Amino acid sequence: MSALVRLLSSGACAAGLALLLTGPAPAQETPYIDLQRGALLIHGNFCGPGNRGPGHPPIDALDLACMHHDACTPPPGRLAHCACNDRLNLEASAVVRDPATPRDVRGTAQFIADGAMLLPCED
C-alpha cells in the first residue's frame, strides 16, 4: 500500500486536510508534506498528522503541545486515549490565551484546540 493510500485511510486524512486549509504558520513557508513519513504539517515540526522525525525540536509552545500529543498517541490502527486529546486541547488553548503569541499562531492554536476535541479516542 502506498504512503498516500495509508495516509488517506488512516483517519487522520480529514483532520490533516482541514489543518492544511488553515494555511502555513509563519515559521514555515508552506505546509510540510512527506508522504513517506505520513506527515502533513501546518505548524512547526509536530502539528498535523505525523512529524518531521528525530532531530527536529518543537519551534514554540504550540509545536510542543503537538509533540506531547504525538508522544501520547498509539501506533496506527489504535485510537488515542481521550486524555491525550484533552491535553492537546488544554495546551493549545493556553497558547491561544497568551498575548505574547503572534495572532496567526493563536488562530492555528485555536483550530488545533478545537480539532483535538473532535478526534476519535477511547477512555
PDB file of N, CA and C in Angstrom:
ATOM      1  N   MET A   1       0.856  -1.170   0.000  1.00  0.00           N
ATOM      2  CA  MET A   1       0.000   0.000   0.000  1.00  0.00           C
ATOM      3  C   MET A   1       0.902   1.232   0.000  1.00  0.00           C
ATOM      4  N   SER A   2       0.587   2.177  -0.860  1.00  0.00           N
ATOM      5  CA  SER A   2       1.413   3.377  -0.955  1.00  0.00           C
ATOM      6  C   SER A   2       1.253   4.239   0.294  1.00  0.00           C
ATOM      7  N   ALA A   3       2.232   5.105   0.503  1.00  0.00           N
ATOM      8  CA  ALA A   3       2.176   6.000   1.665  1.00  0.00           C
ATOM      9  C   ALA A   3       0.959   6.913   1.582  1.00  0.00           C
ATOM     10  N   LEU A   4       0.611   7.368   0.371  1.00  0.00           N
ATOM     11  CA  LEU A   4      -0.554   8.238   0.221  1.00  0.00           C
ATOM     12  C   LEU A   4      -1.831   7.494   0.580  1.00  0.00           C
ATOM     13  N   VAL A   5      -1.971   6.261   0.134  1.00  0.00           N
ATOM     14  CA  VAL A   5      -3.158   5.473   0.459  1.00  0.00           C
ATOM     15  C   VAL A   5      -3.229   5.235   1.958  1.00  0.00           C
ATOM     16  N   ARG A   6      -2.088   4.920   2.589  1.00  0.00           N
ATOM     17  CA  ARG A   6      -2.073   4.730   4.043  1.00  0.00           C
ATOM     18  C   ARG A   6      -2.498   6.010   4.745  1.00  0.00           C
ATOM     19  N   LEU A   7      -1.988   7.153   4.278  1.00  0.00           N
ATOM     20  CA  LEU A   7      -2.350   8.430   4.890  1.00  0.00           C
ATOM     21  C   LEU A   7      -3.834   8.702   4.705  1.00  0.00           C
ATOM     22  N   LEU A   8      -4.348   8.455   3.503  1.00  0.00           N
ATOM     23  CA  LEU A   8      -5.755   8.719   3.229  1.00  0.00           C
ATOM     24  C   LEU A   8      -6.674   7.808   4.017  1.00  0.00           C
ATOM     25  N   SER A   9      -6.238   6.583   4.295  1.00  0.00           N
ATOM     26  CA  SER A   9      -7.093   5.637   5.008  1.00  0.00           C
ATOM     27  C   SER A   9      -6.854   5.640   6.511  1.00  0.00           C
ATOM     28  N   SER A  10      -5.972   6.479   6.983  1.00  0.00           N
ATOM     29  CA  SER A  10      -5.591   6.443   8.394  1.00  0.00           C
ATOM     30  C   SER A  10      -6.602   7.102   9.315  1.00  0.00           C
ATOM     31  N   GLY A  11      -7.574   7.810   8.773  1.00  0.00           N
ATOM     32  CA  GLY A  11      -8.499   8.544   9.627  1.00  0.00           C
ATOM     33  C   GLY A  11      -7.952   9.919   9.971  1.00  0.00           C
ATOM     34  N   ALA A  12      -6.662  10.102   9.793  1.00  0.00           N
ATOM     35  CA  ALA A  12      -6.056  11.403  10.059  1.00  0.00           C
ATOM     36  C   ALA A  12      -6.169  12.306   8.842  1.00  0.00           C
ATOM     37  N   CYS A  13      -6.557  11.726   7.717  1.00  0.00           N
ATOM     38  CA  CYS A  13      -6.589  12.496   6.478  1.00  0.00           C
ATOM     39  C   CYS A  13      -7.534  13.686   6.568  1.00  0.00           C
ATOM     40  N   ALA A  14      -8.746  13.465   7.039  1.00  0.00           N
ATOM     41  CA  ALA A  14      -9.707  14.570   7.116  1.00  0.00           C
ATOM     42  C   ALA A  14      -9.173  15.678   8.012  1.00  0.00           C
ATOM     43  N   ALA A  15      -8.630  15.286   9.152  1.00  0.00           N
ATOM     44  CA  ALA A  15      -8.058  16.288  10.054  1.00  0.00           C
ATOM     45  C   ALA A  15      -6.868  16.974   9.397  1.00  0.00           C
ATOM     46  N   GLY A  16      -6.035  16.196   8.728  1.00  0.00           N
ATOM     47  CA  GLY A  16      -4.866  16.762   8.070  1.00  0.00           C
ATOM     48  C   GLY A  16      -5.228  17.729   6.967  1.00  0.00           C
ATOM     49  N   LEU A  17      -6.218  17.356   6.154  1.00  0.00           N
ATOM     50  CA  LEU A  17      -6.634  18.253   5.088  1.00  0.00           C
ATOM     51  C   LEU A  17      -7.264  19.516   5.655  1.00  0.00           C
ATOM     52  N   ALA A  18      -8.036  19.372   6.709  1.00  0.00           N
ATOM     53  CA  ALA A  18      -8.619  20.555   7.346  1.00  0.00           C
ATOM     54  C   ALA A  18      -7.516  21.449   7.898  1.00  0.00           C
ATOM     55  N   LEU A  19      -6.515  20.844   8.509  1.00  0.00           N
ATOM     56  CA  LEU A  19      -5.391  21.625   9.025  1.00  0.00           C
ATOM     57  C   LEU A  19      -4.646  22.313   7.895  1.00  0.00           C
ATOM     58  N   LEU A  20      -4.489  21.598   6.782  1.00  0.00           N
ATOM     59  CA  LEU A  20      -3.786  22.148   5.639  1.00  0.00           C
ATOM     60  C   LEU A  20      -4.486  23.393   5.111  1.00  0.00           C
ATOM     61  N   LEU A  21      -5.810  23.406   5.160  1.00  0.00           N
ATOM     62  CA  LEU A  21      -6.575  24.527   4.643  1.00  0.00           C
ATOM     63  C   LEU A  21      -6.416  25.791   5.478  1.00  0.00           C
ATOM     64  N   THR A  22      -5.921  25.671   6.703  1.00  0.00           N
ATOM     65  CA  THR A  22      -5.749  26.856   7.539  1.00  0.00           C
ATOM     66  C   THR A  22      -4.567  27.693   7.085  1.00  0.00           C
ATOM     67  N   GLY A  23      -3.695  27.120   6.284  1.00  0.00           N
ATOM     68  CA  GLY A  23      -2.544  27.853   5.795  1.00  0.00           C
ATOM     69  C   GLY A  23      -1.331  27.610   6.667  1.00  0.00           C
ATOM     70  N   PRO A  24      -0.164  27.933   6.155  1.00  0.00           N
ATOM     71  CA  PRO A  24       1.072  27.674   6.880  1.00  0.00           C
ATOM     72  C   PRO A  24       1.279  28.634   8.041  1.00  0.00           C
ATOM     73  N   ALA A  25       1.988  28.158   9.021  1.00  0.00           N
ATOM     74  CA  ALA A  25       2.403  29.011  10.127  1.00  0.00           C
ATOM     75  C   ALA A  25       3.552  29.885   9.637  1.00  0.00           C
ATOM     76  N   PRO A  26       3.805  31.012  10.296  1.00  0.00           N
ATOM     77  CA  PRO A  26       4.854  31.900   9.823  1.00  0.00           C
ATOM     78  C   PRO A  26       6.244  31.286   9.878  1.00  0.00           C
ATOM     79  N   ALA A  27       6.445  30.259  10.681  1.00  0.00           N
ATOM     80  CA  ALA A  27       7.766  29.650  10.807  1.00  0.00           C
ATOM     81  C   ALA A  27       8.105  28.763   9.614  1.00  0.00           C
ATOM     82  N   GLN A  28       7.144  28.527   8.748  1.00  0.00           N
ATOM     83  CA  GLN A  28       7.400  27.726   7.570  1.00  0.00           C
ATOM     84  C   GLN A  28       6.665  28.364   6.402  1.00  0.00           C
ATOM     85  N   GLU A  29       7.276  28.306   5.225  1.00  0.00           N
ATOM     86  CA  GLU A  29       6.705  28.997   4.082  1.00  0.00           C
ATOM     87  C   GLU A  29       5.485  28.279   3.525  1.00  0.00           C
ATOM     88  N   THR A  30       5.484  26.979   3.527  1.00  0.00           N
ATOM     89  CA  THR A  30       4.353  26.198   3.029  1.00  0.00           C
ATOM     90  C   THR A  30       4.129  25.030   3.971  1.00  0.00           C
ATOM     91  N   PRO A  31       2.943  24.423   3.921  1.00  0.00           N
ATOM     92  CA  PRO A  31       2.758  23.222   4.743  1.00  0.00           C
ATOM     93  C   PRO A  31       3.804  22.175   4.369  1.00  0.00           C
ATOM     94  N   TYR A  32       4.240  21.429   5.354  1.00  0.00           N
ATOM     95  CA  TYR A  32       5.249  20.396   5.156  1.00  0.00           C
ATOM     96  C   TYR A  32       4.541  19.078   4.882  1.00  0.00           C
ATOM     97  N   ILE A  33       4.811  18.483   3.728  1.00  0.00           N
ATOM     98  CA  ILE A  33       4.207  17.209   3.358  1.00  0.00           C
ATOM     99  C   ILE A  33       5.323  16.223   3.059  1.00  0.00           C
ATOM    100  N   ASP A  34       5.293  15.070   3.723  1.00  0.00           N
ATOM    101  CA  ASP A  34       6.239  13.984   3.485  1.00  0.00           C
ATOM    102  C   ASP A  34       5.428  12.693   3.473  1.00  0.00           C
ATOM    103  N   LEU A  35       5.058  12.229   2.281  1.00  0.00           N
ATOM    104  CA  LEU A  35       4.207  11.050   2.170  1.00  0.00           C
ATOM    105  C   LEU A  35       4.893   9.789   2.688  1.00  0.00           C
ATOM    106  N   GLN A  36       6.210   9.714   2.579  1.00  0.00           N
ATOM    107  CA  GLN A  36       6.910   8.523   3.072  1.00  0.00           C
ATOM    108  C   GLN A  36       6.791   8.394   4.586  1.00  0.00           C
ATOM    109  N   ARG A  37       6.812   9.519   5.283  1.00  0.00           N
ATOM    110  CA  ARG A  37       6.670   9.508   6.744  1.00  0.00           C
ATOM    111  C   ARG A  37       5.210   9.647   7.171  1.00  0.00           C
ATOM    112  N   GLY A  38       4.318   9.926   6.226  1.00  0.00           N
ATOM    113  CA  GLY A  38       2.917  10.153   6.568  1.00  0.00           C
ATOM    114  C   GLY A  38       2.714  11.473   7.281  1.00  0.00           C
ATOM    115  N   ALA A  39       3.535  12.470   6.945  1.00  0.00           N
ATOM    116  CA  ALA A  39       3.471  13.763   7.627  1.00  0.00           C
ATOM    117  C   ALA A  39       2.778  14.803   6.754  1.00  0.00           C
ATOM    118  N   LEU A  40       1.865  15.528   7.368  1.00  0.00           N
ATOM    119  CA  LEU A  40       1.164  16.638   6.735  1.00  0.00           C
ATOM    120  C   LEU A  40       1.036  17.713   7.810  1.00  0.00           C
ATOM    121  N   LEU A  41       2.040  18.591   7.874  1.00  0.00           N
ATOM    122  CA  LEU A  41       2.147  19.529   8.992  1.00  0.00           C
ATOM    123  C   LEU A  41       1.762  20.944   8.590  1.00  0.00           C
ATOM    124  N   ILE A  42       1.039  21.623   9.484  1.00  0.00           N
ATOM    125  CA  ILE A  42       0.667  23.013   9.227  1.00  0.00           C
ATOM    126  C   ILE A  42       1.414  23.993  10.126  1.00  0.00           C
ATOM    127  N   HIS A  43       2.085  23.474  11.131  1.00  0.00           N
ATOM    128  CA  HIS A  43       2.807  24.364  12.043  1.00  0.00           C
ATOM    129  C   HIS A  43       3.975  23.603  12.645  1.00  0.00           C
ATOM    130  N   GLY A  44       5.143  24.175  12.529  1.00  0.00           N
ATOM    131  CA  GLY A  44       6.313  23.603  13.182  1.00  0.00           C
ATOM    132  C   GLY A  44       6.655  22.209  12.698  1.00  0.00           C
ATOM    133  N   ASN A  45       7.147  21.408  13.620  1.00  0.00           N
ATOM    134  CA  ASN A  45       7.623  20.061  13.304  1.00  0.00           C
ATOM    135  C   ASN A  45       6.677  18.951  13.740  1.00  0.00           C
ATOM    136  N   PHE A  46       5.597  19.297  14.456  1.00  0.00           N
ATOM    137  CA  PHE A  46       4.730  18.268  15.031  1.00  0.00           C
ATOM    138  C   PHE A  46       3.234  18.492  14.839  1.00  0.00           C
ATOM    139  N   CYS A  47       2.787  19.652  14.409  1.00  0.00           N
ATOM    140  CA  CYS A  47       1.345  19.944  14.347  1.00  0.00           C
ATOM    141  C   CYS A  47       0.742  19.505  13.022  1.00  0.00           C
ATOM    142  N   GLY A  48      -0.025  18.448  13.097  1.00  0.00           N
ATOM    143  CA  GLY A  48      -0.645  17.808  11.950  1.00  0.00           C
ATOM    144  C   GLY A  48      -0.332  16.329  12.018  1.00  0.00           C
ATOM    145  N   PRO A  49      -0.940  15.547  11.144  1.00  0.00           N
ATOM    146  CA  PRO A  49      -0.628  14.115  11.152  1.00  0.00           C
ATOM    147  C   PRO A  49       0.858  13.885  10.884  1.00  0.00           C
ATOM    148  N   GLY A  50       1.490  13.050  11.689  1.00  0.00           N
ATOM    149  CA  GLY A  50       2.909  12.744  11.521  1.00  0.00           C
ATOM    150  C   GLY A  50       3.796  13.812  12.143  1.00  0.00           C
ATOM    151  N   ASN A  51       5.093  13.724  11.839  1.00  0.00           N
ATOM    152  CA  ASN A  51       6.057  14.716  12.306  1.00  0.00           C
ATOM    153  C   ASN A  51       7.273  14.657  11.406  1.00  0.00           C
ATOM    154  N   ARG A  52       8.202  15.575  11.622  1.00  0.00           N
ATOM    155  CA  ARG A  52       9.400  15.626  10.769  1.00  0.00           C
ATOM    156  C   ARG A  52      10.448  14.592  11.143  1.00  0.00           C
ATOM    157  N   GLY A  53      10.316  13.968  12.281  1.00  0.00           N
ATOM    158  CA  GLY A  53      11.252  12.924  12.661  1.00  0.00           C
ATOM    159  C   GLY A  53      12.296  13.391  13.653  1.00  0.00           C
ATOM    160  N   PRO A  54      13.167  12.476  14.047  1.00  0.00           N
ATOM    161  CA  PRO A  54      14.191  12.777  15.055  1.00  0.00           C
ATOM    162  C   PRO A  54      15.074  13.952  14.626  1.00  0.00           C
ATOM    163  N   GLY A  55      15.521  14.699  15.617  1.00  0.00           N
ATOM    164  CA  GLY A  55      16.433  15.800  15.346  1.00  0.00           C
ATOM    165  C   GLY A  55      15.755  17.125  15.055  1.00  0.00           C
ATOM    166  N   HIS A  56      14.428  17.148  15.114  1.00  0.00           N
ATOM    167  CA  HIS A  56      13.693  18.386  14.876  1.00  0.00           C
ATOM    168  C   HIS A  56      12.942  18.742  16.148  1.00  0.00           C
ATOM    169  N   PRO A  57      13.434  19.719  16.905  1.00  0.00           N
ATOM    170  CA  PRO A  57      12.761  20.103  18.152  1.00  0.00           C
ATOM    171  C   PRO A  57      11.524  20.951  17.866  1.00  0.00           C
ATOM    172  N   PRO A  58      10.628  21.065  18.852  1.00  0.00           N
ATOM    173  CA  PRO A  58       9.479  21.952  18.677  1.00  0.00           C
ATOM    174  C   PRO A  58       9.948  23.398  18.536  1.00  0.00           C
ATOM    175  N   ILE A  59       9.234  24.162  17.714  1.00  0.00           N
ATOM    176  CA  ILE A  59       9.645  25.549  17.453  1.00  0.00           C
ATOM    177  C   ILE A  59       9.033  26.542  18.432  1.00  0.00           C
ATOM    178  N   ASP A  60       7.971  26.147  19.139  1.00  0.00           N
ATOM    179  CA  ASP A  60       7.307  27.044  20.081  1.00  0.00           C
ATOM    180  C   ASP A  60       6.360  26.227  20.963  1.00  0.00           C
ATOM    181  N   ALA A  61       5.583  26.916  21.791  1.00  0.00           N
ATOM    182  CA  ALA A  61       4.692  26.227  22.738  1.00  0.00           C
ATOM    183  C   ALA A  61       3.606  25.419  22.032  1.00  0.00           C
ATOM    184  N   LEU A  62       3.106  25.913  20.909  1.00  0.00           N
ATOM    185  CA  LEU A  62       2.091  25.152  20.174  1.00  0.00           C
ATOM    186  C   LEU A  62       2.690  23.877  19.608  1.00  0.00           C
ATOM    187  N   ASP A  63       3.850  23.978  19.030  1.00  0.00           N
ATOM    188  CA  ASP A  63       4.523  22.800  18.484  1.00  0.00           C
ATOM    189  C   ASP A  63       4.850  21.806  19.601  1.00  0.00           C
ATOM    190  N   LEU A  64       5.210  22.302  20.781  1.00  0.00           N
ATOM    191  CA  LEU A  64       5.467  21.432  21.934  1.00  0.00           C
ATOM    192  C   LEU A  64       4.193  20.684  22.328  1.00  0.00           C
ATOM    193  N   ALA A  65       3.058  21.371  22.314  1.00  0.00           N
ATOM    194  CA  ALA A  65       1.781  20.715  22.618  1.00  0.00           C
ATOM    195  C   ALA A  65       1.511  19.592  21.620  1.00  0.00           C
ATOM    196  N   CYS A  66       1.784  19.860  20.355  1.00  0.00           N
ATOM    197  CA  CYS A  66       1.590  18.834  19.326  1.00  0.00           C
ATOM    198  C   CYS A  66       2.571  17.677  19.511  1.00  0.00           C
ATOM    199  N   MET A  67       3.805  17.974  19.915  1.00  0.00           N
ATOM    200  CA  MET A  67       4.788  16.924  20.179  1.00  0.00           C
ATOM    201  C   MET A  67       4.314  16.035  21.325  1.00  0.00           C
ATOM    202  N   HIS A  68       3.779  16.648  22.383  1.00  0.00           N
ATOM    203  CA  HIS A  68       3.248  15.864  23.504  1.00  0.00           C
ATOM    204  C   HIS A  68       2.134  14.942  23.020  1.00  0.00           C
ATOM    205  N   HIS A  69       1.273  15.449  22.150  1.00  0.00           N
ATOM    206  CA  HIS A  69       0.177  14.629  21.624  1.00  0.00           C
ATOM    207  C   HIS A  69       0.730  13.476  20.789  1.00  0.00           C
ATOM    208  N   ASP A  70       1.723  13.757  19.951  1.00  0.00           N
ATOM    209  CA  ASP A  70       2.334  12.688  19.150  1.00  0.00           C
ATOM    210  C   ASP A  70       2.912  11.597  20.042  1.00  0.00           C
ATOM    211  N   ALA A  71       3.572  12.005  21.135  1.00  0.00           N
ATOM    212  CA  ALA A  71       4.194  11.034  22.044  1.00  0.00           C
ATOM    213  C   ALA A  71       3.141  10.205  22.772  1.00  0.00           C
ATOM    214  N   CYS A  72       1.964  10.747  22.936  1.00  0.00           N
ATOM    215  CA  CYS A  72       0.883  10.090  23.668  1.00  0.00           C
ATOM    216  C   CYS A  72       0.036   9.191  22.760  1.00  0.00           C
ATOM    217  N   THR A  73       0.161   9.379  21.465  1.00  0.00           N
ATOM    218  CA  THR A  73      -0.680   8.669  20.507  1.00  0.00           C
ATOM    219  C   THR A  73      -0.118   7.281  20.227  1.00  0.00           C
ATOM    220  N   PRO A  74      -0.982   6.249  20.228  1.00  0.00           N
ATOM    221  CA  PRO A  74      -0.519   4.887  19.968  1.00  0.00           C
ATOM    222  C   PRO A  74      -0.186   4.684  18.489  1.00  0.00           C
ATOM    223  N   PRO A  75       0.353   3.528  18.160  1.00  0.00           N
ATOM    224  CA  PRO A  75       0.682   3.230  16.761  1.00  0.00           C
ATOM    225  C   PRO A  75      -0.570   3.266  15.876  1.00  0.00           C
ATOM    226  N   PRO A  76      -0.386   3.419  14.561  1.00  0.00           N
ATOM    227  CA  PRO A  76      -1.529   3.428  13.639  1.00  0.00           C
ATOM    228  C   PRO A  76      -2.410   2.188  13.831  1.00  0.00           C
ATOM    229  N   GLY A  77      -3.698   2.406  13.680  1.00  0.00           N
ATOM    230  CA  GLY A  77      -4.646   1.308  13.841  1.00  0.00           C
ATOM    231  C   GLY A  77      -5.296   1.268  15.210  1.00  0.00           C
ATOM    232  N   ARG A  78      -4.759   2.037  16.152  1.00  0.00           N
ATOM    233  CA  ARG A  78      -5.332   2.098  17.502  1.00  0.00           C
ATOM    234  C   ARG A  78      -5.732   3.533  17.792  1.00  0.00           C
ATOM    235  N   LEU A  79      -6.792   3.681  18.572  1.00  0.00           N
ATOM    236  CA  LEU A  79      -7.248   5.017  18.949  1.00  0.00           C
ATOM    237  C   LEU A  79      -6.424   5.558  20.111  1.00  0.00           C
ATOM    238  N   ALA A  80      -6.229   6.854  20.100  1.00  0.00           N
ATOM    239  CA  ALA A  80      -5.558   7.515  21.221  1.00  0.00           C
ATOM    240  C   ALA A  80      -6.478   7.501  22.434  1.00  0.00           C
ATOM    241  N   HIS A  81      -5.887   7.601  23.602  1.00  0.00           N
ATOM    242  CA  HIS A  81      -6.688   7.768  24.813  1.00  0.00           C
ATOM    243  C   HIS A  81      -7.241   9.191  24.802  1.00  0.00           C
ATOM    244  N   CYS A  82      -8.444   9.352  25.294  1.00  0.00           N
ATOM    245  CA  CYS A  82      -9.077  10.676  25.318  1.00  0.00           C
ATOM    246  C   CYS A  82      -8.230  11.677  26.107  1.00  0.00           C
ATOM    247  N   ALA A  83      -7.487  11.197  27.096  1.00  0.00           N
ATOM    248  CA  ALA A  83      -6.626  12.090  27.880  1.00  0.00           C
ATOM    249  C   ALA A  83      -5.562  12.750  26.997  1.00  0.00           C
ATOM    250  N   CYS A  84      -5.100  12.054  25.963  1.00  0.00           N
ATOM    251  CA  CYS A  84      -4.114  12.642  25.041  1.00  0.00           C
ATOM    252  C   CYS A  84      -4.720  13.830  24.302  1.00  0.00           C
ATOM    253  N   ASN A  85      -5.940  13.644  23.810  1.00  0.00           N
ATOM    254  CA  ASN A  85      -6.613  14.723  23.088  1.00  0.00           C
ATOM    255  C   ASN A  85      -6.986  15.865  24.025  1.00  0.00           C
ATOM    256  N   ASP A  86      -7.386  15.518  25.252  1.00  0.00           N
ATOM    257  CA  ASP A  86      -7.706  16.550  26.246  1.00  0.00           C
ATOM    258  C   ASP A  86      -6.480  17.408  26.550  1.00  0.00           C
ATOM    259  N   ARG A  87      -5.319  16.759  26.666  1.00  0.00           N
ATOM    260  CA  ARG A  87      -4.090  17.503  26.955  1.00  0.00           C
ATOM    261  C   ARG A  87      -3.745  18.433  25.792  1.00  0.00           C
ATOM    262  N   LEU A  88      -3.900  17.945  24.564  1.00  0.00           N
ATOM    263  CA  LEU A  88      -3.635  18.804  23.407  1.00  0.00           C
ATOM    264  C   LEU A  88      -4.574  20.007  23.422  1.00  0.00           C
ATOM    265  N   ASN A  89      -5.835  19.775  23.737  1.00  0.00           N
ATOM    266  CA  ASN A  89      -6.799  20.869  23.824  1.00  0.00           C
ATOM    267  C   ASN A  89      -6.371  21.893  24.874  1.00  0.00           C
ATOM    268  N   LEU A  90      -5.980  21.417  26.046  1.00  0.00           N
ATOM    269  CA  LEU A  90      -5.575  22.325  27.129  1.00  0.00           C
ATOM    270  C   LEU A  90      -4.315  23.113  26.779  1.00  0.00           C
ATOM    271  N   GLU A  91      -3.304  22.423  26.242  1.00  0.00           N
ATOM    272  CA  GLU A  91      -2.039  23.095  25.937  1.00  0.00           C
ATOM    273  C   GLU A  91      -2.191  24.067  24.767  1.00  0.00           C
ATOM    274  N   ALA A  92      -2.941  23.682  23.749  1.00  0.00           N
ATOM    275  CA  ALA A  92      -3.158  24.592  22.618  1.00  0.00           C
ATOM    276  C   ALA A  92      -4.010  25.786  23.054  1.00  0.00           C
ATOM    277  N   SER A  93      -4.972  25.547  23.937  1.00  0.00           N
ATOM    278  CA  SER A  93      -5.804  26.643  24.452  1.00  0.00           C
ATOM    279  C   SER A  93      -4.968  27.642  25.250  1.00  0.00           C
ATOM    280  N   ALA A  94      -3.956  27.163  25.954  1.00  0.00           N
ATOM    281  CA  ALA A  94      -3.061  28.067  26.687  1.00  0.00           C
ATOM    282  C   ALA A  94      -2.304  28.970  25.716  1.00  0.00           C
ATOM    283  N   VAL A  95      -1.926  28.436  24.557  1.00  0.00           N
ATOM    284  CA  VAL A  95      -1.256  29.247  23.532  1.00  0.00           C
ATOM    285  C   VAL A  95      -2.213  30.322  23.020  1.00  0.00           C
ATOM    286  N   VAL A  96      -3.478  29.954  22.832  1.00  0.00           N
ATOM    287  CA  VAL A  96      -4.492  30.909  22.364  1.00  0.00           C
ATOM    288  C   VAL A  96      -4.598  32.092  23.321  1.00  0.00           C
ATOM    289  N   ARG A  97      -4.534  31.821  24.610  1.00  0.00           N
ATOM    290  CA  ARG A  97      -4.705  32.872  25.626  1.00  0.00           C
ATOM    291  C   ARG A  97      -3.447  33.700  25.869  1.00  0.00           C
ATOM    292  N   ASP A  98      -2.317  33.305  25.318  1.00  0.00           N
ATOM    293  CA  ASP A  98      -1.055  34.005  25.563  1.00  0.00           C
ATOM    294  C   ASP A  98      -0.936  35.220  24.639  1.00  0.00           C
ATOM    295  N   PRO A  99      -1.036  36.431  25.191  1.00  0.00           N
ATOM    296  CA  PRO A  99      -0.984  37.625  24.337  1.00  0.00           C
ATOM    297  C   PRO A  99       0.375  37.838  23.669  1.00  0.00           C
ATOM    298  N   ALA A 100       1.410  37.180  24.157  1.00  0.00           N
ATOM    299  CA  ALA A 100       2.733  37.313  23.544  1.00  0.00           C
ATOM    300  C   ALA A 100       2.862  36.465  22.278  1.00  0.00           C
ATOM    301  N   THR A 101       1.941  35.549  22.076  1.00  0.00           N
ATOM    302  CA  THR A 101       1.968  34.690  20.890  1.00  0.00           C
ATOM    303  C   THR A 101       1.398  35.466  19.706  1.00  0.00           C
ATOM    304  N   PRO A 102       2.069  35.405  18.553  1.00  0.00           N
ATOM    305  CA  PRO A 102       1.545  36.110  17.374  1.00  0.00           C
ATOM    306  C   PRO A 102       0.105  35.683  17.051  1.00  0.00           C
ATOM    307  N   ARG A 103      -0.657  36.621  16.531  1.00  0.00           N
ATOM    308  CA  ARG A 103      -2.078  36.395  16.266  1.00  0.00           C
ATOM    309  C   ARG A 103      -2.324  35.196  15.349  1.00  0.00           C
ATOM    310  N   ASP A 104      -1.530  35.052  14.288  1.00  0.00           N
ATOM    311  CA  ASP A 104      -1.754  33.936  13.371  1.00  0.00           C
ATOM    312  C   ASP A 104      -1.481  32.593  14.044  1.00  0.00           C
ATOM    313  N   VAL A 105      -0.504  32.547  14.931  1.00  0.00           N
ATOM    314  CA  VAL A 105      -0.224  31.305  15.663  1.00  0.00           C
ATOM    315  C   VAL A 105      -1.355  31.022  16.648  1.00  0.00           C
ATOM    316  N   ARG A 106      -1.890  32.068  17.270  1.00  0.00           N
ATOM    317  CA  ARG A 106      -3.042  31.869  18.169  1.00  0.00           C
ATOM    318  C   ARG A 106      -4.234  31.311  17.394  1.00  0.00           C
ATOM    319  N   GLY A 107      -4.431  31.778  16.163  1.00  0.00           N
ATOM    320  CA  GLY A 107      -5.511  31.245  15.330  1.00  0.00           C
ATOM    321  C   GLY A 107      -5.311  29.776  15.014  1.00  0.00           C
ATOM    322  N   THR A 108      -4.088  29.402  14.682  1.00  0.00           N
ATOM    323  CA  THR A 108      -3.783  27.994  14.428  1.00  0.00           C
ATOM    324  C   THR A 108      -3.963  27.186  15.702  1.00  0.00           C
ATOM    325  N   ALA A 109      -3.543  27.741  16.831  1.00  0.00           N
ATOM    326  CA  ALA A 109      -3.693  27.048  18.116  1.00  0.00           C
ATOM    327  C   ALA A 109      -5.169  26.821  18.440  1.00  0.00           C
ATOM    328  N   GLN A 110      -6.017  27.804  18.146  1.00  0.00           N
ATOM    329  CA  GLN A 110      -7.452  27.637  18.391  1.00  0.00           C
ATOM    330  C   GLN A 110      -8.015  26.516  17.527  1.00  0.00           C
ATOM    331  N   PHE A 111      -7.593  26.485  16.272  1.00  0.00           N
ATOM    332  CA  PHE A 111      -8.039  25.425  15.367  1.00  0.00           C
ATOM    333  C   PHE A 111      -7.610  24.054  15.891  1.00  0.00           C
ATOM    334  N   ILE A 112      -6.374  23.957  16.360  1.00  0.00           N
ATOM    335  CA  ILE A 112      -5.863  22.686  16.879  1.00  0.00           C
ATOM    336  C   ILE A 112      -6.576  22.312  18.174  1.00  0.00           C
ATOM    337  N   ALA A 113      -6.798  23.284  19.058  1.00  0.00           N
ATOM    338  CA  ALA A 113      -7.511  23.006  20.314  1.00  0.00           C
ATOM    339  C   ALA A 113      -8.917  22.494  20.028  1.00  0.00           C
ATOM    340  N   ASP A 114      -9.622  23.158  19.116  1.00  0.00           N
ATOM    341  CA  ASP A 114     -10.974  22.719  18.760  1.00  0.00           C
ATOM    342  C   ASP A 114     -10.940  21.346  18.094  1.00  0.00           C
ATOM    343  N   GLY A 115      -9.997  21.163  17.187  1.00  0.00           N
ATOM    344  CA  GLY A 115      -9.883  19.890  16.480  1.00  0.00           C
ATOM    345  C   GLY A 115      -9.550  18.731  17.399  1.00  0.00           C
ATOM    346  N   ALA A 116      -8.793  18.998  18.454  1.00  0.00           N
ATOM    347  CA  ALA A 116      -8.424  17.935  19.398  1.00  0.00           C
ATOM    348  C   ALA A 116      -9.658  17.312  20.031  1.00  0.00           C
ATOM    349  N   MET A 117     -10.688  18.119  20.226  1.00  0.00           N
ATOM    350  CA  MET A 117     -11.906  17.606  20.854  1.00  0.00           C
ATOM    351  C   MET A 117     -12.776  16.822  19.872  1.00  0.00           C
ATOM    352  N   LEU A 118     -12.440  16.871  18.593  1.00  0.00           N
ATOM    353  CA  LEU A 118     -13.183  16.133  17.573  1.00  0.00           C
ATOM    354  C   LEU A 118     -12.496  14.837  17.166  1.00  0.00           C
ATOM    355  N   LEU A 119     -11.250  14.661  17.608  1.00  0.00           N
ATOM    356  CA  LEU A 119     -10.512  13.449  17.245  1.00  0.00           C
ATOM    357  C   LEU A 119     -11.105  12.230  17.945  1.00  0.00           C
ATOM    358  N   PRO A 120     -11.198  11.109  17.242  1.00  0.00           N
ATOM    359  CA  PRO A 120     -11.709   9.903  17.904  1.00  0.00           C
ATOM    360  C   PRO A 120     -10.739   9.451  18.991  1.00  0.00           C
ATOM    361  N   CYS A 121     -11.294   8.905  20.062  1.00  0.00           N
ATOM    362  CA  CYS A 121     -10.452   8.443  21.167  1.00  0.00           C
ATOM    363  C   CYS A 121     -11.201   7.405  21.983  1.00  0.00           C
ATOM    364  N   GLU A 122     -10.473   6.775  22.890  1.00  0.00           N
ATOM    365  CA  GLU A 122     -11.084   5.825  23.823  1.00  0.00           C
ATOM    366  C   GLU A 122     -10.577   6.133  25.226  1.00  0.00           C
ATOM    367  N   ASP A 123     -11.408   5.832  26.224  1.00  0.00           N
ATOM    368  CA  ASP A 123     -11.017   6.108  27.615  1.00  0.00           C
ATOM    369  C   ASP A 123     -10.072   5.083  28.160  1.00  0.00           C
TER     370      ASP A 123
END
